[in-house]
């Protein structure tokens, strides 16, 4: 359900547990409440979520809320229509480069003017 390996779960459950014991636990139809609570605490999910988990319901929810064929509805997993135009971004970068160059030239001119005034005063 959460993609946790049996070995990792066994390690978190304690020294009495191993991968084989977790595998056997997963195959049981019913699980002791004490063990269920222990597993719930390790996985950090409510006991009811484990007891009521239904893989078919999860698949139905996903298939009913995700539509990869139509991005206009806003419920798509993937965007097939990127909104970034690389040419526009390149032009924006060039404009920013021009602006920064102009600022540097202005700052350079101001420093030259200041130095000329300082030299003229001496």
PDB file of N, CA and C in Angstrom:
ATOM      1  N   UNK A   1       0.824  -1.186   0.000  1.00  0.00           N
ATOM      2  CA  UNK A   1       0.000   0.000   0.000  1.00  0.00           C
ATOM      3  C   UNK A   1       0.871   1.254   0.000  1.00  0.00           C
ATOM      4  N   UNK A   2       1.910   1.307   0.827  1.00  0.00           N
ATOM      5  CA  UNK A   2       2.753   2.489   0.918  1.00  0.00           C
ATOM      6  C   UNK A   2       4.108   2.299   0.249  1.00  0.00           C
ATOM      7  N   UNK A   3       4.348   1.128  -0.303  1.00  0.00           N
ATOM      8  CA  UNK A   3       5.617   0.880  -0.974  1.00  0.00           C
ATOM      9  C   UNK A   3       6.758   0.607  -0.019  1.00  0.00           C
ATOM     10  N   UNK A   4       6.450   0.227   1.213  1.00  0.00           N
ATOM     11  CA  UNK A   4       7.487  -0.069   2.207  1.00  0.00           C
ATOM     12  C   UNK A   4       7.851  -1.541   2.095  1.00  0.00           C
ATOM     13  N   UNK A   5       9.115  -1.832   2.062  1.00  0.00           N
ATOM     14  CA  UNK A   5       9.572  -3.222   1.953  1.00  0.00           C
ATOM     15  C   UNK A   5       9.300  -3.968   3.254  1.00  0.00           C
ATOM     16  N   UNK A   6       9.084  -5.253   3.126  1.00  0.00           N
ATOM     17  CA  UNK A   6       8.800  -6.085   4.291  1.00  0.00           C
ATOM     18  C   UNK A   6       9.949  -6.057   5.292  1.00  0.00           C
ATOM     19  N   UNK A   7      11.178  -6.028   4.794  1.00  0.00           N
ATOM     20  CA  UNK A   7      12.339  -5.994   5.689  1.00  0.00           C
ATOM     21  C   UNK A   7      12.341  -4.720   6.524  1.00  0.00           C
ATOM     22  N   UNK A   8      11.989  -3.592   5.890  1.00  0.00           N
ATOM     23  CA  UNK A   8      11.967  -2.308   6.601  1.00  0.00           C
ATOM     24  C   UNK A   8      10.875  -2.308   7.660  1.00  0.00           C
ATOM     25  N   UNK A   9       9.712  -2.838   7.333  1.00  0.00           N
ATOM     26  CA  UNK A   9       8.618  -2.906   8.294  1.00  0.00           C
ATOM     27  C   UNK A   9       9.002  -3.816   9.458  1.00  0.00           C
ATOM     28  N   UNK A  10       9.605  -4.940   9.161  1.00  0.00           N
ATOM     29  CA  UNK A  10      10.037  -5.875  10.209  1.00  0.00           C
ATOM     30  C   UNK A  10      11.045  -5.202  11.135  1.00  0.00           C
ATOM     31  N   UNK A  11      11.965  -4.457  10.571  1.00  0.00           N
ATOM     32  CA  UNK A  11      12.973  -3.751  11.372  1.00  0.00           C
ATOM     33  C   UNK A  11      12.294  -2.761  12.317  1.00  0.00           C
ATOM     34  N   UNK A  12      11.323  -2.012  11.796  1.00  0.00           N
ATOM     35  CA  UNK A  12      10.624  -1.010  12.607  1.00  0.00           C
ATOM     36  C   UNK A  12       9.738  -1.654  13.678  1.00  0.00           C
ATOM     37  N   UNK A  13       9.224  -2.854  13.406  1.00  0.00           N
ATOM     38  CA  UNK A  13       8.357  -3.528  14.374  1.00  0.00           C
ATOM     39  C   UNK A  13       9.134  -4.112  15.548  1.00  0.00           C
ATOM     40  N   UNK A  14      10.413  -4.364  15.372  1.00  0.00           N
ATOM     41  CA  UNK A  14      11.227  -4.837  16.498  1.00  0.00           C
ATOM     42  C   UNK A  14      11.951  -6.131  16.219  1.00  0.00           C
ATOM     43  N   UNK A  15      12.667  -6.569  17.244  1.00  0.00           N
ATOM     44  CA  UNK A  15      13.532  -7.752  17.112  1.00  0.00           C
ATOM     45  C   UNK A  15      12.769  -9.054  16.871  1.00  0.00           C
ATOM     46  N   UNK A  16      11.517  -9.122  17.309  1.00  0.00           N
ATOM     47  CA  UNK A  16      10.720 -10.348  17.132  1.00  0.00           C
ATOM     48  C   UNK A  16      10.249 -10.529  15.697  1.00  0.00           C
ATOM     49  N   UNK A  17      10.467  -9.539  14.861  1.00  0.00           N
ATOM     50  CA  UNK A  17       9.939  -9.560  13.504  1.00  0.00           C
ATOM     51  C   UNK A  17      11.037  -9.773  12.479  1.00  0.00           C
ATOM     52  N   UNK A  18      10.661 -10.429  11.367  1.00  0.00           N
ATOM     53  CA  UNK A  18      11.552 -10.572  10.205  1.00  0.00           C
ATOM     54  C   UNK A  18      10.687 -10.505   8.943  1.00  0.00           C
ATOM     55  N   UNK A  19      11.328 -10.534   7.790  1.00  0.00           N
ATOM     56  CA  UNK A  19      10.607 -10.392   6.521  1.00  0.00           C
ATOM     57  C   UNK A  19       9.567 -11.486   6.340  1.00  0.00           C
ATOM     58  N   UNK A  20       9.918 -12.709   6.700  1.00  0.00           N
ATOM     59  CA  UNK A  20       8.989 -13.838   6.524  1.00  0.00           C
ATOM     60  C   UNK A  20       7.748 -13.669   7.396  1.00  0.00           C
ATOM     61  N   UNK A  21       7.943 -13.205   8.622  1.00  0.00           N
ATOM     62  CA  UNK A  21       6.816 -13.012   9.535  1.00  0.00           C
ATOM     63  C   UNK A  21       5.880 -11.908   9.014  1.00  0.00           C
ATOM     64  N   UNK A  22       6.453 -10.851   8.434  1.00  0.00           N
ATOM     65  CA  UNK A  22       5.637  -9.785   7.843  1.00  0.00           C
ATOM     66  C   UNK A  22       4.867 -10.320   6.638  1.00  0.00           C
ATOM     67  N   UNK A  23       5.526 -11.153   5.836  1.00  0.00           N
ATOM     68  CA  UNK A  23       4.882 -11.745   4.669  1.00  0.00           C
ATOM     69  C   UNK A  23       3.682 -12.599   5.094  1.00  0.00           C
ATOM     70  N   UNK A  24       3.850 -13.370   6.140  1.00  0.00           N
ATOM     71  CA  UNK A  24       2.754 -14.203   6.649  1.00  0.00           C
ATOM     72  C   UNK A  24       1.627 -13.319   7.178  1.00  0.00           C
ATOM     73  N   UNK A  25       2.004 -12.237   7.862  1.00  0.00           N
ATOM     74  CA  UNK A  25       1.009 -11.301   8.385  1.00  0.00           C
ATOM     75  C   UNK A  25       0.176 -10.699   7.252  1.00  0.00           C
ATOM     76  N   UNK A  26       0.826 -10.347   6.142  1.00  0.00           N
ATOM     77  CA  UNK A  26       0.124  -9.753   4.998  1.00  0.00           C
ATOM     78  C   UNK A  26      -0.881 -10.714   4.378  1.00  0.00           C
ATOM     79  N   UNK A  27      -0.617 -12.009   4.483  1.00  0.00           N
ATOM     80  CA  UNK A  27      -1.492 -13.004   3.851  1.00  0.00           C
ATOM     81  C   UNK A  27      -2.696 -13.376   4.715  1.00  0.00           C
ATOM     82  N   UNK A  28      -2.690 -12.996   5.976  1.00  0.00           N
ATOM     83  CA  UNK A  28      -3.794 -13.337   6.884  1.00  0.00           C
ATOM     84  C   UNK A  28      -5.066 -12.584   6.519  1.00  0.00           C
ATOM     85  N   UNK A  29      -6.202 -13.239   6.774  1.00  0.00           N
ATOM     86  CA  UNK A  29      -7.495 -12.600   6.581  1.00  0.00           C
ATOM     87  C   UNK A  29      -7.800 -11.665   7.748  1.00  0.00           C
ATOM     88  N   UNK A  30      -7.436 -12.086   8.967  1.00  0.00           N
ATOM     89  CA  UNK A  30      -7.654 -11.257  10.152  1.00  0.00           C
ATOM     90  C   UNK A  30      -6.334 -11.093  10.892  1.00  0.00           C
ATOM     91  N   UNK A  31      -6.179  -9.936  11.529  1.00  0.00           N
ATOM     92  CA  UNK A  31      -4.963  -9.632  12.274  1.00  0.00           C
ATOM     93  C   UNK A  31      -5.360  -9.178  13.666  1.00  0.00           C
ATOM     94  N   UNK A  32      -4.620  -9.661  14.640  1.00  0.00           N
ATOM     95  CA  UNK A  32      -4.849  -9.287  16.035  1.00  0.00           C
ATOM     96  C   UNK A  32      -4.800  -7.767  16.190  1.00  0.00           C
ATOM     97  N   UNK A  33      -5.711  -7.199  16.992  1.00  0.00           N
ATOM     98  CA  UNK A  33      -5.782  -5.745  17.170  1.00  0.00           C
ATOM     99  C   UNK A  33      -4.478  -5.145  17.691  1.00  0.00           C
ATOM    100  N   UNK A  34      -3.799  -5.872  18.570  1.00  0.00           N
ATOM    101  CA  UNK A  34      -2.539  -5.379  19.116  1.00  0.00           C
ATOM    102  C   UNK A  34      -1.483  -5.242  18.012  1.00  0.00           C
ATOM    103  N   UNK A  35      -1.400  -6.235  17.154  1.00  0.00           N
ATOM    104  CA  UNK A  35      -0.445  -6.197  16.043  1.00  0.00           C
ATOM    105  C   UNK A  35      -0.859  -5.122  15.045  1.00  0.00           C
ATOM    106  N   UNK A  36      -2.156  -5.008  14.792  1.00  0.00           N
ATOM    107  CA  UNK A  36      -2.652  -3.994  13.865  1.00  0.00           C
ATOM    108  C   UNK A  36      -2.284  -2.592  14.360  1.00  0.00           C
ATOM    109  N   UNK A  37      -2.411  -2.359  15.664  1.00  0.00           N
ATOM    110  CA  UNK A  37      -2.066  -1.064  16.246  1.00  0.00           C
ATOM    111  C   UNK A  37      -0.562  -0.808  16.110  1.00  0.00           C
ATOM    112  N   UNK A  38       0.235  -1.835  16.333  1.00  0.00           N
ATOM    113  CA  UNK A  38       1.698  -1.712  16.219  1.00  0.00           C
ATOM    114  C   UNK A  38       2.093  -1.361  14.778  1.00  0.00           C
ATOM    115  N   UNK A  39       1.508  -2.041  13.821  1.00  0.00           N
ATOM    116  CA  UNK A  39       1.779  -1.764  12.404  1.00  0.00           C
ATOM    117  C   UNK A  39       1.298  -0.357  12.050  1.00  0.00           C
ATOM    118  N   UNK A  40       0.138  -0.001  12.537  1.00  0.00           N
ATOM    119  CA  UNK A  40      -0.420   1.323  12.290  1.00  0.00           C
ATOM    120  C   UNK A  40       0.513   2.420  12.809  1.00  0.00           C
ATOM    121  N   UNK A  41       1.056   2.220  13.995  1.00  0.00           N
ATOM    122  CA  UNK A  41       1.976   3.208  14.568  1.00  0.00           C
ATOM    123  C   UNK A  41       3.252   3.336  13.741  1.00  0.00           C
ATOM    124  N   UNK A  42       3.773   2.208  13.278  1.00  0.00           N
ATOM    125  CA  UNK A  42       5.004   2.234  12.470  1.00  0.00           C
ATOM    126  C   UNK A  42       4.750   2.929  11.137  1.00  0.00           C
ATOM    127  N   UNK A  43       3.617   2.640  10.500  1.00  0.00           N
ATOM    128  CA  UNK A  43       3.306   3.223   9.199  1.00  0.00           C
ATOM    129  C   UNK A  43       2.760   4.647   9.304  1.00  0.00           C
ATOM    130  N   UNK A  44       2.414   5.050  10.531  1.00  0.00           N
ATOM    131  CA  UNK A  44       1.868   6.391  10.784  1.00  0.00           C
ATOM    132  C   UNK A  44       0.580   6.654  10.005  1.00  0.00           C
ATOM    133  N   UNK A  45      -0.278   5.628  10.012  1.00  0.00           N
ATOM    134  CA  UNK A  45      -1.609   5.769   9.415  1.00  0.00           C
ATOM    135  C   UNK A  45      -2.622   5.147  10.377  1.00  0.00           C
ATOM    136  N   UNK A  46      -3.858   5.607  10.349  1.00  0.00           N
ATOM    137  CA  UNK A  46      -4.863   5.071  11.276  1.00  0.00           C
ATOM    138  C   UNK A  46      -5.161   3.594  11.011  1.00  0.00           C
ATOM    139  N   UNK A  47      -5.532   2.898  12.078  1.00  0.00           N
ATOM    140  CA  UNK A  47      -5.885   1.479  11.972  1.00  0.00           C
ATOM    141  C   UNK A  47      -7.036   1.306  10.981  1.00  0.00           C
ATOM    142  N   UNK A  48      -8.012   2.210  11.026  1.00  0.00           N
ATOM    143  CA  UNK A  48      -9.162   2.112  10.112  1.00  0.00           C
ATOM    144  C   UNK A  48      -8.742   2.184   8.651  1.00  0.00           C
ATOM    145  N   UNK A  49      -7.707   2.956   8.355  1.00  0.00           N
ATOM    146  CA  UNK A  49      -7.233   3.052   6.972  1.00  0.00           C
ATOM    147  C   UNK A  49      -6.693   1.709   6.497  1.00  0.00           C
ATOM    148  N   UNK A  50      -6.051   0.988   7.401  1.00  0.00           N
ATOM    149  CA  UNK A  50      -5.529  -0.339   7.040  1.00  0.00           C
ATOM    150  C   UNK A  50      -6.685  -1.327   6.901  1.00  0.00           C
ATOM    151  N   UNK A  51      -7.600  -1.302   7.875  1.00  0.00           N
ATOM    152  CA  UNK A  51      -8.718  -2.255   7.865  1.00  0.00           C
ATOM    153  C   UNK A  51      -9.632  -2.046   6.660  1.00  0.00           C
ATOM    154  N   UNK A  52      -9.855  -0.805   6.275  1.00  0.00           N
ATOM    155  CA  UNK A  52     -10.815  -0.496   5.209  1.00  0.00           C
ATOM    156  C   UNK A  52     -10.169  -0.310   3.845  1.00  0.00           C
ATOM    157  N   UNK A  53      -8.883  -0.600   3.727  1.00  0.00           N
ATOM    158  CA  UNK A  53      -8.207  -0.393   2.446  1.00  0.00           C
ATOM    159  C   UNK A  53      -8.777  -1.329   1.389  1.00  0.00           C
ATOM    160  N   UNK A  54      -9.136  -0.748   0.245  1.00  0.00           N
ATOM    161  CA  UNK A  54      -9.671  -1.522  -0.872  1.00  0.00           C
ATOM    162  C   UNK A  54      -8.981  -1.034  -2.143  1.00  0.00           C
ATOM    163  N   UNK A  55      -8.153  -1.887  -2.701  1.00  0.00           N
ATOM    164  CA  UNK A  55      -7.363  -1.509  -3.870  1.00  0.00           C
ATOM    165  C   UNK A  55      -8.250  -1.127  -5.057  1.00  0.00           C
ATOM    166  N   UNK A  56      -9.374  -1.811  -5.222  1.00  0.00           N
ATOM    167  CA  UNK A  56     -10.278  -1.475  -6.327  1.00  0.00           C
ATOM    168  C   UNK A  56     -10.855  -0.076  -6.176  1.00  0.00           C
ATOM    169  N   UNK A  57     -11.186   0.324  -4.937  1.00  0.00           N
ATOM    170  CA  UNK A  57     -11.708   1.666  -4.706  1.00  0.00           C
ATOM    171  C   UNK A  57     -10.660   2.718  -5.056  1.00  0.00           C
ATOM    172  N   UNK A  58      -9.412   2.453  -4.693  1.00  0.00           N
ATOM    173  CA  UNK A  58      -8.339   3.400  -5.009  1.00  0.00           C
ATOM    174  C   UNK A  58      -8.216   3.566  -6.511  1.00  0.00           C
ATOM    175  N   UNK A  59      -8.242   2.474  -7.230  1.00  0.00           N
ATOM    176  CA  UNK A  59      -8.136   2.528  -8.694  1.00  0.00           C
ATOM    177  C   UNK A  59      -9.333   3.268  -9.282  1.00  0.00           C
ATOM    178  N   UNK A  60     -10.533   3.028  -8.743  1.00  0.00           N
ATOM    179  CA  UNK A  60     -11.720   3.735  -9.225  1.00  0.00           C
ATOM    180  C   UNK A  60     -11.627   5.225  -8.969  1.00  0.00           C
ATOM    181  N   UNK A  61     -11.167   5.615  -7.794  1.00  0.00           N
ATOM    182  CA  UNK A  61     -11.041   7.038  -7.466  1.00  0.00           C
ATOM    183  C   UNK A  61     -10.060   7.698  -8.424  1.00  0.00           C
ATOM    184  N   UNK A  62      -8.921   7.055  -8.647  1.00  0.00           N
ATOM    185  CA  UNK A  62      -7.919   7.622  -9.548  1.00  0.00           C
ATOM    186  C   UNK A  62      -8.470   7.718 -10.963  1.00  0.00           C
ATOM    187  N   UNK A  63      -9.112   6.661 -11.442  1.00  0.00           N
ATOM    188  CA  UNK A  63      -9.610   6.685 -12.822  1.00  0.00           C
ATOM    189  C   UNK A  63     -10.771   7.660 -13.001  1.00  0.00           C
ATOM    190  N   UNK A  64     -11.521   7.941 -11.934  1.00  0.00           N
ATOM    191  CA  UNK A  64     -12.632   8.886 -12.042  1.00  0.00           C
ATOM    192  C   UNK A  64     -12.202  10.337 -11.893  1.00  0.00           C
ATOM    193  N   UNK A  65     -11.030  10.583 -11.322  1.00  0.00           N
ATOM    194  CA  UNK A  65     -10.605  11.964 -11.099  1.00  0.00           C
ATOM    195  C   UNK A  65      -9.480  12.407 -12.021  1.00  0.00           C
ATOM    196  N   UNK A  66      -8.884  11.494 -12.731  1.00  0.00           N
ATOM    197  CA  UNK A  66      -7.776  11.839 -13.620  1.00  0.00           C
ATOM    198  C   UNK A  66      -8.155  11.499 -15.043  1.00  0.00           C
ATOM    199  N   UNK A  67      -7.973  12.471 -15.919  1.00  0.00           N
ATOM    200  CA  UNK A  67      -8.278  12.277 -17.324  1.00  0.00           C
ATOM    201  C   UNK A  67      -7.097  12.804 -18.116  1.00  0.00           C
ATOM    202  N   UNK A  68      -6.274  11.911 -18.614  1.00  0.00           N
ATOM    203  CA  UNK A  68      -5.070  12.337 -19.332  1.00  0.00           C
ATOM    204  C   UNK A  68      -5.347  12.791 -20.756  1.00  0.00           C
ATOM    205  N   UNK A  69      -6.539  12.597 -21.242  1.00  0.00           N
ATOM    206  CA  UNK A  69      -6.802  12.955 -22.633  1.00  0.00           C
ATOM    207  C   UNK A  69      -7.237  14.401 -22.794  1.00  0.00           C
ATOM    208  N   UNK A  70      -7.636  15.064 -21.700  1.00  0.00           N
ATOM    209  CA  UNK A  70      -8.147  16.429 -21.819  1.00  0.00           C
ATOM    210  C   UNK A  70      -7.547  17.296 -20.725  1.00  0.00           C
ATOM    211  N   UNK A  71      -6.631  18.158 -21.095  1.00  0.00           N
ATOM    212  CA  UNK A  71      -5.965  19.025 -20.125  1.00  0.00           C
ATOM    213  C   UNK A  71      -6.810  20.246 -19.795  1.00  0.00           C
ATOM    214  N   UNK A  72      -7.842  20.531 -20.564  1.00  0.00           N
ATOM    215  CA  UNK A  72      -8.650  21.729 -20.362  1.00  0.00           C
ATOM    216  C   UNK A  72      -9.422  21.681 -19.049  1.00  0.00           C
ATOM    217  N   UNK A  73      -9.745  20.482 -18.573  1.00  0.00           N
ATOM    218  CA  UNK A  73     -10.520  20.378 -17.340  1.00  0.00           C
ATOM    219  C   UNK A  73      -9.672  20.606 -16.106  1.00  0.00           C
ATOM    220  N   UNK A  74      -8.374  20.563 -16.240  1.00  0.00           N
ATOM    221  CA  UNK A  74      -7.497  20.833 -15.114  1.00  0.00           C
ATOM    222  C   UNK A  74      -7.256  19.640 -14.211  1.00  0.00           C
ATOM    223  N   UNK A  75      -7.747  18.454 -14.571  1.00  0.00           N
ATOM    224  CA  UNK A  75      -7.537  17.299 -13.710  1.00  0.00           C
ATOM    225  C   UNK A  75      -6.648  16.256 -14.380  1.00  0.00           C
ATOM    226  N   UNK A  76      -5.717  16.706 -15.148  1.00  0.00           N
ATOM    227  CA  UNK A  76      -4.808  15.814 -15.853  1.00  0.00           C
ATOM    228  C   UNK A  76      -3.519  15.658 -15.053  1.00  0.00           C
ATOM    229  N   UNK A  77      -2.934  14.484 -15.133  1.00  0.00           N
ATOM    230  CA  UNK A  77      -1.646  14.257 -14.479  1.00  0.00           C
ATOM    231  C   UNK A  77      -0.509  14.894 -15.260  1.00  0.00           C
ATOM    232  N   UNK A  78      -0.676  15.011 -16.543  1.00  0.00           N
ATOM    233  CA  UNK A  78       0.394  15.495 -17.397  1.00  0.00           C
ATOM    234  C   UNK A  78      -0.078  16.685 -18.220  1.00  0.00           C
ATOM    235  N   UNK A  79       0.815  17.614 -18.437  1.00  0.00           N
ATOM    236  CA  UNK A  79       0.481  18.764 -19.260  1.00  0.00           C
ATOM    237  C   UNK A  79       1.029  18.517 -20.664  1.00  0.00           C
ATOM    238  N   UNK A  80       0.126  18.368 -21.610  1.00  0.00           N
ATOM    239  CA  UNK A  80       0.547  18.129 -22.981  1.00  0.00           C
ATOM    240  C   UNK A  80       0.712  19.428 -23.757  1.00  0.00           C
ATOM    241  N   UNK A  81       0.312  20.539 -23.137  1.00  0.00           N
ATOM    242  CA  UNK A  81       0.368  21.831 -23.796  1.00  0.00           C
ATOM    243  C   UNK A  81       1.208  22.785 -22.951  1.00  0.00           C
ATOM    244  N   UNK A  82       2.518  22.725 -23.106  1.00  0.00           N
ATOM    245  CA  UNK A  82       3.344  23.607 -22.281  1.00  0.00           C
ATOM    246  C   UNK A  82       3.034  25.069 -22.575  1.00  0.00           C
ATOM    247  N   UNK A  83       3.061  25.891 -21.524  1.00  0.00           N
ATOM    248  CA  UNK A  83       2.731  27.301 -21.676  1.00  0.00           C
ATOM    249  C   UNK A  83       3.971  28.171 -21.804  1.00  0.00           C
ATOM    250  N   UNK A  84       5.132  27.572 -21.753  1.00  0.00           N
ATOM    251  CA  UNK A  84       6.375  28.335 -21.847  1.00  0.00           C
ATOM    252  C   UNK A  84       6.846  28.338 -23.299  1.00  0.00           C
ATOM    253  N   UNK A  85       7.052  29.526 -23.809  1.00  0.00           N
ATOM    254  CA  UNK A  85       7.585  29.663 -25.156  1.00  0.00           C
ATOM    255  C   UNK A  85       9.072  29.981 -25.018  1.00  0.00           C
ATOM    256  N   UNK A  86       9.949  29.092 -25.437  1.00  0.00           N
ATOM    257  CA  UNK A  86      11.378  29.306 -25.240  1.00  0.00           C
ATOM    258  C   UNK A  86      11.909  30.555 -25.950  1.00  0.00           C
ATOM    259  N   UNK A  87      11.322  30.895 -27.084  1.00  0.00           N
ATOM    260  CA  UNK A  87      11.784  32.093 -27.806  1.00  0.00           C
ATOM    261  C   UNK A  87      11.456  33.343 -27.002  1.00  0.00           C
ATOM    262  N   UNK A  88      10.252  33.379 -26.416  1.00  0.00           N
ATOM    263  CA  UNK A  88       9.887  34.526 -25.580  1.00  0.00           C
ATOM    264  C   UNK A  88      10.806  34.638 -24.373  1.00  0.00           C
ATOM    265  N   UNK A  89      11.114  33.513 -23.760  1.00  0.00           N
ATOM    266  CA  UNK A  89      12.014  33.521 -22.602  1.00  0.00           C
ATOM    267  C   UNK A  89      13.404  33.999 -23.003  1.00  0.00           C
ATOM    268  N   UNK A  90      13.868  33.608 -24.175  1.00  0.00           N
ATOM    269  CA  UNK A  90      15.178  34.025 -24.663  1.00  0.00           C
ATOM    270  C   UNK A  90      15.189  35.539 -24.893  1.00  0.00           C
ATOM    271  N   UNK A  91      14.112  36.053 -25.486  1.00  0.00           N
ATOM    272  CA  UNK A  91      14.005  37.496 -25.726  1.00  0.00           C
ATOM    273  C   UNK A  91      13.966  38.248 -24.392  1.00  0.00           C
ATOM    274  N   UNK A  92      13.210  37.722 -23.409  1.00  0.00           N
ATOM    275  CA  UNK A  92      13.181  38.344 -22.088  1.00  0.00           C
ATOM    276  C   UNK A  92      14.579  38.389 -21.477  1.00  0.00           C
ATOM    277  N   UNK A  93      15.336  37.313 -21.631  1.00  0.00           N
ATOM    278  CA  UNK A  93      16.697  37.269 -21.093  1.00  0.00           C
ATOM    279  C   UNK A  93      17.587  38.293 -21.798  1.00  0.00           C
ATOM    280  N   UNK A  94      17.422  38.438 -23.113  1.00  0.00           N
ATOM    281  CA  UNK A  94      18.205  39.435 -23.843  1.00  0.00           C
ATOM    282  C   UNK A  94      17.871  40.853 -23.376  1.00  0.00           C
ATOM    283  N   UNK A  95      16.579  41.124 -23.167  1.00  0.00           N
ATOM    284  CA  UNK A  95      16.158  42.442 -22.683  1.00  0.00           C
ATOM    285  C   UNK A  95      16.730  42.713 -21.296  1.00  0.00           C
ATOM    286  N   UNK A  96      16.716  41.729 -20.453  1.00  0.00           N
ATOM    287  CA  UNK A  96      17.298  41.878 -19.107  1.00  0.00           C
ATOM    288  C   UNK A  96      18.797  42.133 -19.203  1.00  0.00           C
ATOM    289  N   UNK A  97      19.445  41.444 -20.118  1.00  0.00           N
ATOM    290  CA  UNK A  97      20.881  41.637 -20.339  1.00  0.00           C
ATOM    291  C   UNK A  97      21.160  43.069 -20.796  1.00  0.00           C
ATOM    292  N   UNK A  98      20.339  43.592 -21.702  1.00  0.00           N
ATOM    293  CA  UNK A  98      20.494  44.974 -22.159  1.00  0.00           C
ATOM    294  C   UNK A  98      20.322  45.957 -21.006  1.00  0.00           C
ATOM    295  N   UNK A  99      19.296  45.715 -20.187  1.00  0.00           N
ATOM    296  CA  UNK A  99      19.030  46.600 -19.055  1.00  0.00           C
ATOM    297  C   UNK A  99      20.201  46.618 -18.075  1.00  0.00           C
ATOM    298  N   UNK A 100      20.712  45.449 -17.770  1.00  0.00           N
ATOM    299  CA  UNK A 100      21.839  45.362 -16.835  1.00  0.00           C
ATOM    300  C   UNK A 100      23.096  46.008 -17.409  1.00  0.00           C
ATOM    301  N   UNK A 101      23.321  45.842 -18.706  1.00  0.00           N
ATOM    302  CA  UNK A 101      24.474  46.473 -19.360  1.00  0.00           C
ATOM    303  C   UNK A 101      24.349  47.990 -19.293  1.00  0.00           C
ATOM    304  N   UNK A 102      23.158  48.518 -19.532  1.00  0.00           N
ATOM    305  CA  UNK A 102      22.936  49.961 -19.461  1.00  0.00           C
ATOM    306  C   UNK A 102      23.201  50.475 -18.045  1.00  0.00           C
ATOM    307  N   UNK A 103      22.751  49.720 -17.041  1.00  0.00           N
ATOM    308  CA  UNK A 103      23.005  50.124 -15.654  1.00  0.00           C
ATOM    309  C   UNK A 103      24.497  50.139 -15.350  1.00  0.00           C
ATOM    310  N   UNK A 104      25.210  49.127 -15.836  1.00  0.00           N
ATOM    311  CA  UNK A 104      26.665  49.083 -15.619  1.00  0.00           C
ATOM    312  C   UNK A 104      27.364  50.268 -16.288  1.00  0.00           C
ATOM    313  N   UNK A 105      26.962  50.592 -17.516  1.00  0.00           N
ATOM    314  CA  UNK A 105      27.564  51.726 -18.215  1.00  0.00           C
ATOM    315  C   UNK A 105      27.278  53.041 -17.486  1.00  0.00           C
ATOM    316  N   UNK A 106      26.056  53.170 -16.983  1.00  0.00           N
ATOM    317  CA  UNK A 106      25.699  54.380 -16.243  1.00  0.00           C
ATOM    318  C   UNK A 106      26.546  54.490 -14.978  1.00  0.00           C
ATOM    319  N   UNK A 107      26.697  53.393 -14.250  1.00  0.00           N
ATOM    320  CA  UNK A 107      27.504  53.392 -13.031  1.00  0.00           C
ATOM    321  C   UNK A 107      28.963  53.720 -13.367  1.00  0.00           C
ATOM    322  N   UNK A 108      29.466  53.181 -14.485  1.00  0.00           N
ATOM    323  CA  UNK A 108      30.839  53.462 -14.896  1.00  0.00           C
ATOM    324  C   UNK A 108      31.003  54.946 -15.211  1.00  0.00           C
ATOM    325  N   UNK A 109      30.054  55.522 -15.936  1.00  0.00           N
ATOM    326  CA  UNK A 109      30.109  56.945 -16.271  1.00  0.00           C
ATOM    327  C   UNK A 109      30.077  57.818 -15.013  1.00  0.00           C
ATOM    328  N   UNK A 110      29.252  57.433 -14.043  1.00  0.00           N
ATOM    329  CA  UNK A 110      29.174  58.197 -12.799  1.00  0.00           C
ATOM    330  C   UNK A 110      30.497  58.136 -12.040  1.00  0.00           C
ATOM    331  N   UNK A 111      31.148  56.995 -12.039  1.00  0.00           N
ATOM    332  CA  UNK A 111      32.438  56.866 -11.359  1.00  0.00           C
ATOM    333  C   UNK A 111      33.504  57.695 -12.072  1.00  0.00           C
ATOM    334  N   UNK A 112      33.487  57.680 -13.393  1.00  0.00           N
ATOM    335  CA  UNK A 112      34.465  58.482 -14.151  1.00  0.00           C
ATOM    336  C   UNK A 112      34.250  59.962 -13.854  1.00  0.00           C
ATOM    337  N   UNK A 113      33.008  60.390 -13.838  1.00  0.00           N
ATOM    338  CA  UNK A 113      32.695  61.790 -13.544  1.00  0.00           C
ATOM    339  C   UNK A 113      33.161  62.166 -12.136  1.00  0.00           C
ATOM    340  N   UNK A 114      32.929  61.297 -11.178  1.00  0.00           N
ATOM    341  CA  UNK A 114      33.357  61.548  -9.803  1.00  0.00           C
ATOM    342  C   UNK A 114      34.876  61.646  -9.722  1.00  0.00           C
ATOM    343  N   UNK A 115      35.567  60.734 -10.398  1.00  0.00           N
ATOM    344  CA  UNK A 115      37.033  60.764 -10.394  1.00  0.00           C
ATOM    345  C   UNK A 115      37.565  62.035 -11.056  1.00  0.00           C
ATOM    346  N   UNK A 116      36.928  62.469 -12.144  1.00  0.00           N
ATOM    347  CA  UNK A 116      37.366  63.697 -12.817  1.00  0.00           C
ATOM    348  C   UNK A 116      37.191  64.906 -11.891  1.00  0.00           C
ATOM    349  N   UNK A 117      36.083  64.944 -11.148  1.00  0.00           N
ATOM    350  CA  UNK A 117      35.866  66.051 -10.209  1.00  0.00           C
ATOM    351  C   UNK A 117      36.907  66.044  -9.081  1.00  0.00           C
ATOM    352  N   UNK A 118      37.204  64.835  -8.599  1.00  0.00           N
ATOM    353  CA  UNK A 118      38.195  64.734  -7.524  1.00  0.00           C
ATOM    354  C   UNK A 118      39.586  65.157  -8.006  1.00  0.00           C
ATOM    355  N   UNK A 119      39.926  64.761  -9.219  1.00  0.00           N
ATOM    356  CA  UNK A 119      41.227  65.151  -9.789  1.00  0.00           C
ATOM    357  C   UNK A 119      41.291  66.643 -10.077  1.00  0.00           C
ATOM    358  N   UNK A 120      40.162  67.227 -10.473  1.00  0.00           N
ATOM    359  CA  UNK A 120      40.104  68.643 -10.773  1.00  0.00           C
ATOM    360  C   UNK A 120      40.240  69.503  -9.514  1.00  0.00           C
ATOM    361  N   UNK A 121      39.811  68.982  -8.371  1.00  0.00           N
ATOM    362  CA  UNK A 121      39.893  69.730  -7.122  1.00  0.00           C
ATOM    363  C   UNK A 121      41.310  69.759  -6.575  1.00  0.00           C
ATOM    364  N   UNK A 122      42.145  68.853  -6.967  1.00  0.00           N
ATOM    365  CA  UNK A 122      43.510  68.777  -6.416  1.00  0.00           C
ATOM    366  C   UNK A 122      44.425  69.685  -7.101  1.00  0.00           C
TER     367      UNK A 122
END
